[in-house]
Amino acid sequence: MSLTRHFKETIQARIKRDPAFREALPKEGVECLLSGDVETGKAVLRDYINATLGFETLGSLTDKSPKSLMRMFGPNGNPQARNLFEIIRCLQAHEGLRLTVRPVRQPTVS
């Protein structure tokens, strides 16, 4: 199911007015990817890219075609790990963030 234009505009407006929300989106996108929810992770990162630097600027930073980047984050996109990590690096640099991964042990079921 595709998102409505109104929903996308609402997300973009919130990103522009709420720094905590803006900072949380790339983190949420990467967490979704790491947990195996690739579709949600790509959608969150796509919304973040659209509302912040845009695919044109990201294309310049990564030396990749903006259309190719849009396809990578589309519903049928399947970005290579190398491309995905390069993009995440650029997003972190753009936002001034450093995302980290730390292990958390799952509770055992008795």
C-alpha atoms as a PDB file:
ATOM      1  CA  MET A   1       0.000   0.000   0.000  1.00  0.00           C
ATOM      2  CA  SER A   2       1.414   3.389  -0.912  1.00  0.00           C
ATOM      3  CA  LEU A   3       1.353   6.376   1.387  1.00  0.00           C
ATOM      4  CA  THR A   4      -0.936   9.259   0.611  1.00  0.00           C
ATOM      5  CA  ARG A   5       0.507  12.613  -0.311  1.00  0.00           C
ATOM      6  CA  HIS A   6      -1.055  14.147   2.814  1.00  0.00           C
ATOM      7  CA  PHE A   7       0.784  11.666   5.056  1.00  0.00           C
ATOM      8  CA  LYS A   8       4.121  12.334   3.329  1.00  0.00           C
ATOM      9  CA  GLU A   9       3.613  16.086   3.671  1.00  0.00           C
ATOM     10  CA  THR A  10       2.789  15.635   7.356  1.00  0.00           C
ATOM     11  CA  ILE A  11       6.017  13.669   7.919  1.00  0.00           C
ATOM     12  CA  GLN A  12       8.050  16.281   6.043  1.00  0.00           C
ATOM     13  CA  ALA A  13       6.515  19.128   8.037  1.00  0.00           C
ATOM     14  CA  ARG A  14       7.231  17.364  11.329  1.00  0.00           C
ATOM     15  CA  ILE A  15      10.840  16.685  10.325  1.00  0.00           C
ATOM     16  CA  LYS A  16      11.303  20.382   9.642  1.00  0.00           C
ATOM     17  CA  ARG A  17       9.813  21.558  12.960  1.00  0.00           C
ATOM     18  CA  ASP A  18      10.846  18.775  15.367  1.00  0.00           C
ATOM     19  CA  PRO A  19      14.617  18.187  15.705  1.00  0.00           C
ATOM     20  CA  ALA A  20      14.154  15.131  17.951  1.00  0.00           C
ATOM     21  CA  PHE A  21      11.856  13.487  15.397  1.00  0.00           C
ATOM     22  CA  ARG A  22      14.277  14.382  12.591  1.00  0.00           C
ATOM     23  CA  GLU A  23      17.156  12.791  14.502  1.00  0.00           C
ATOM     24  CA  ALA A  24      15.126   9.680  15.365  1.00  0.00           C
ATOM     25  CA  LEU A  25      14.180   8.820  11.777  1.00  0.00           C
ATOM     26  CA  PRO A  26      17.564   7.614  10.495  1.00  0.00           C
ATOM     27  CA  LYS A  27      18.016   5.647  13.731  1.00  0.00           C
ATOM     28  CA  GLU A  28      14.586   4.045  13.318  1.00  0.00           C
ATOM     29  CA  GLY A  29      15.264   3.234   9.670  1.00  0.00           C
ATOM     30  CA  VAL A  30      18.548   1.515  10.455  1.00  0.00           C
ATOM     31  CA  GLU A  31      17.022  -0.352  13.417  1.00  0.00           C
ATOM     32  CA  CYS A  32      14.275  -1.665  11.110  1.00  0.00           C
ATOM     33  CA  LEU A  33      16.888  -2.823   8.592  1.00  0.00           C
ATOM     34  CA  LEU A  34      18.913  -4.580  11.300  1.00  0.00           C
ATOM     35  CA  SER A  35      15.818  -6.333  12.659  1.00  0.00           C
ATOM     36  CA  GLY A  36      14.944  -7.661   9.207  1.00  0.00           C
ATOM     37  CA  ASP A  37      12.088  -5.275   8.409  1.00  0.00           C
ATOM     38  CA  VAL A  38      13.708  -4.074   5.195  1.00  0.00           C
ATOM     39  CA  GLU A  39      10.575  -2.580   3.638  1.00  0.00           C
ATOM     40  CA  THR A  40       9.848  -0.354   6.646  1.00  0.00           C
ATOM     41  CA  GLY A  41      13.521   0.583   6.992  1.00  0.00           C
ATOM     42  CA  LYS A  42      13.717   1.671   3.351  1.00  0.00           C
ATOM     43  CA  ALA A  43      10.450   3.618   3.646  1.00  0.00           C
ATOM     44  CA  VAL A  44      11.607   5.466   6.771  1.00  0.00           C
ATOM     45  CA  LEU A  45      14.955   6.336   5.199  1.00  0.00           C
ATOM     46  CA  ARG A  46      13.225   7.404   1.958  1.00  0.00           C
ATOM     47  CA  ASP A  47      10.936   9.771   3.896  1.00  0.00           C
ATOM     48  CA  TYR A  48      13.928  11.156   5.775  1.00  0.00           C
ATOM     49  CA  ILE A  49      15.909  11.698   2.556  1.00  0.00           C
ATOM     50  CA  ASN A  50      12.966  13.388   0.830  1.00  0.00           C
ATOM     51  CA  ALA A  51      12.386  15.731   3.765  1.00  0.00           C
ATOM     52  CA  THR A  52      16.020  16.652   4.381  1.00  0.00           C
ATOM     53  CA  LEU A  53      18.808  16.614   1.825  1.00  0.00           C
ATOM     54  CA  GLY A  54      16.845  15.145  -1.099  1.00  0.00           C
ATOM     55  CA  PHE A  55      17.873  12.550  -3.652  1.00  0.00           C
ATOM     56  CA  GLU A  56      19.623  15.093  -5.893  1.00  0.00           C
ATOM     57  CA  THR A  57      22.042  16.106  -3.133  1.00  0.00           C
ATOM     58  CA  LEU A  58      22.451  12.511  -1.965  1.00  0.00           C
ATOM     59  CA  GLY A  59      23.282  11.563  -5.550  1.00  0.00           C
ATOM     60  CA  SER A  60      26.034  14.183  -5.612  1.00  0.00           C
ATOM     61  CA  LEU A  61      27.428  12.996  -2.279  1.00  0.00           C
ATOM     62  CA  THR A  62      27.459   9.326  -3.312  1.00  0.00           C
ATOM     63  CA  ASP A  63      28.267   9.809  -6.995  1.00  0.00           C
ATOM     64  CA  LYS A  64      25.101   7.890  -7.881  1.00  0.00           C
ATOM     65  CA  SER A  65      22.156   8.791 -10.038  1.00  0.00           C
ATOM     66  CA  PRO A  66      19.259  10.266  -8.019  1.00  0.00           C
ATOM     67  CA  LYS A  67      16.864   8.023  -9.968  1.00  0.00           C
ATOM     68  CA  SER A  68      18.941   4.978  -9.058  1.00  0.00           C
ATOM     69  CA  LEU A  69      18.850   6.005  -5.400  1.00  0.00           C
ATOM     70  CA  MET A  70      15.064   6.482  -5.555  1.00  0.00           C
ATOM     71  CA  ARG A  71      14.700   2.978  -7.021  1.00  0.00           C
ATOM     72  CA  MET A  72      16.913   1.516  -4.257  1.00  0.00           C
ATOM     73  CA  PHE A  73      14.555   2.877  -1.606  1.00  0.00           C
ATOM     74  CA  GLY A  74      11.367   2.114  -3.530  1.00  0.00           C
ATOM     75  CA  PRO A  75       9.075  -0.824  -2.713  1.00  0.00           C
ATOM     76  CA  ASN A  76      10.867  -3.128  -5.170  1.00  0.00           C
ATOM     77  CA  GLY A  77      14.351  -1.751  -4.516  1.00  0.00           C
ATOM     78  CA  ASN A  78      17.116  -4.006  -3.311  1.00  0.00           C
ATOM     79  CA  PRO A  79      20.193  -1.901  -2.547  1.00  0.00           C
ATOM     80  CA  GLN A  80      23.546  -3.629  -2.284  1.00  0.00           C
ATOM     81  CA  ALA A  81      25.072  -3.506   1.189  1.00  0.00           C
ATOM     82  CA  ARG A  82      27.940  -1.335  -0.093  1.00  0.00           C
ATOM     83  CA  ASN A  83      25.491   1.271  -1.419  1.00  0.00           C
ATOM     84  CA  LEU A  84      23.293   1.128   1.651  1.00  0.00           C
ATOM     85  CA  PHE A  85      26.183   1.664   4.067  1.00  0.00           C
ATOM     86  CA  GLU A  86      27.569   4.510   1.956  1.00  0.00           C
ATOM     87  CA  ILE A  87      24.160   6.193   2.027  1.00  0.00           C
ATOM     88  CA  ILE A  88      23.835   5.704   5.795  1.00  0.00           C
ATOM     89  CA  ARG A  89      27.306   7.236   6.218  1.00  0.00           C
ATOM     90  CA  CYS A  90      26.217  10.282   4.180  1.00  0.00           C
ATOM     91  CA  LEU A  91      22.991  10.644   6.163  1.00  0.00           C
ATOM     92  CA  GLN A  92      24.906  10.527   9.439  1.00  0.00           C
ATOM     93  CA  ALA A  93      27.358  13.161   8.217  1.00  0.00           C
ATOM     94  CA  HIS A  94      24.538  15.384   6.957  1.00  0.00           C
ATOM     95  CA  GLU A  95      22.681  15.212  10.257  1.00  0.00           C
ATOM     96  CA  GLY A  96      25.812  15.323  12.432  1.00  0.00           C
ATOM     97  CA  LEU A  97      24.948  11.950  13.954  1.00  0.00           C
ATOM     98  CA  ARG A  98      26.912   8.843  14.680  1.00  0.00           C
ATOM     99  CA  LEU A  99      24.725   5.762  14.860  1.00  0.00           C
ATOM    100  CA  THR A 100      26.107   2.890  16.909  1.00  0.00           C
ATOM    101  CA  VAL A 101      25.123  -0.715  17.360  1.00  0.00           C
ATOM    102  CA  ARG A 102      25.198  -2.392  20.719  1.00  0.00           C
ATOM    103  CA  PRO A 103      24.220  -5.940  21.563  1.00  0.00           C
ATOM    104  CA  VAL A 104      21.179  -6.547  23.715  1.00  0.00           C
ATOM    105  CA  ARG A 105      20.524 -10.055  24.914  1.00  0.00           C
ATOM    106  CA  GLN A 106      16.994 -11.302  24.311  1.00  0.00           C
ATOM    107  CA  PRO A 107      15.256 -12.589  27.436  1.00  0.00           C
ATOM    108  CA  THR A 108      15.102 -16.363  27.479  1.00  0.00           C
ATOM    109  CA  VAL A 109      11.757 -18.068  27.602  1.00  0.00           C
ATOM    110  CA  SER A 110      11.499 -20.817  30.243  1.00  0.00           C
END
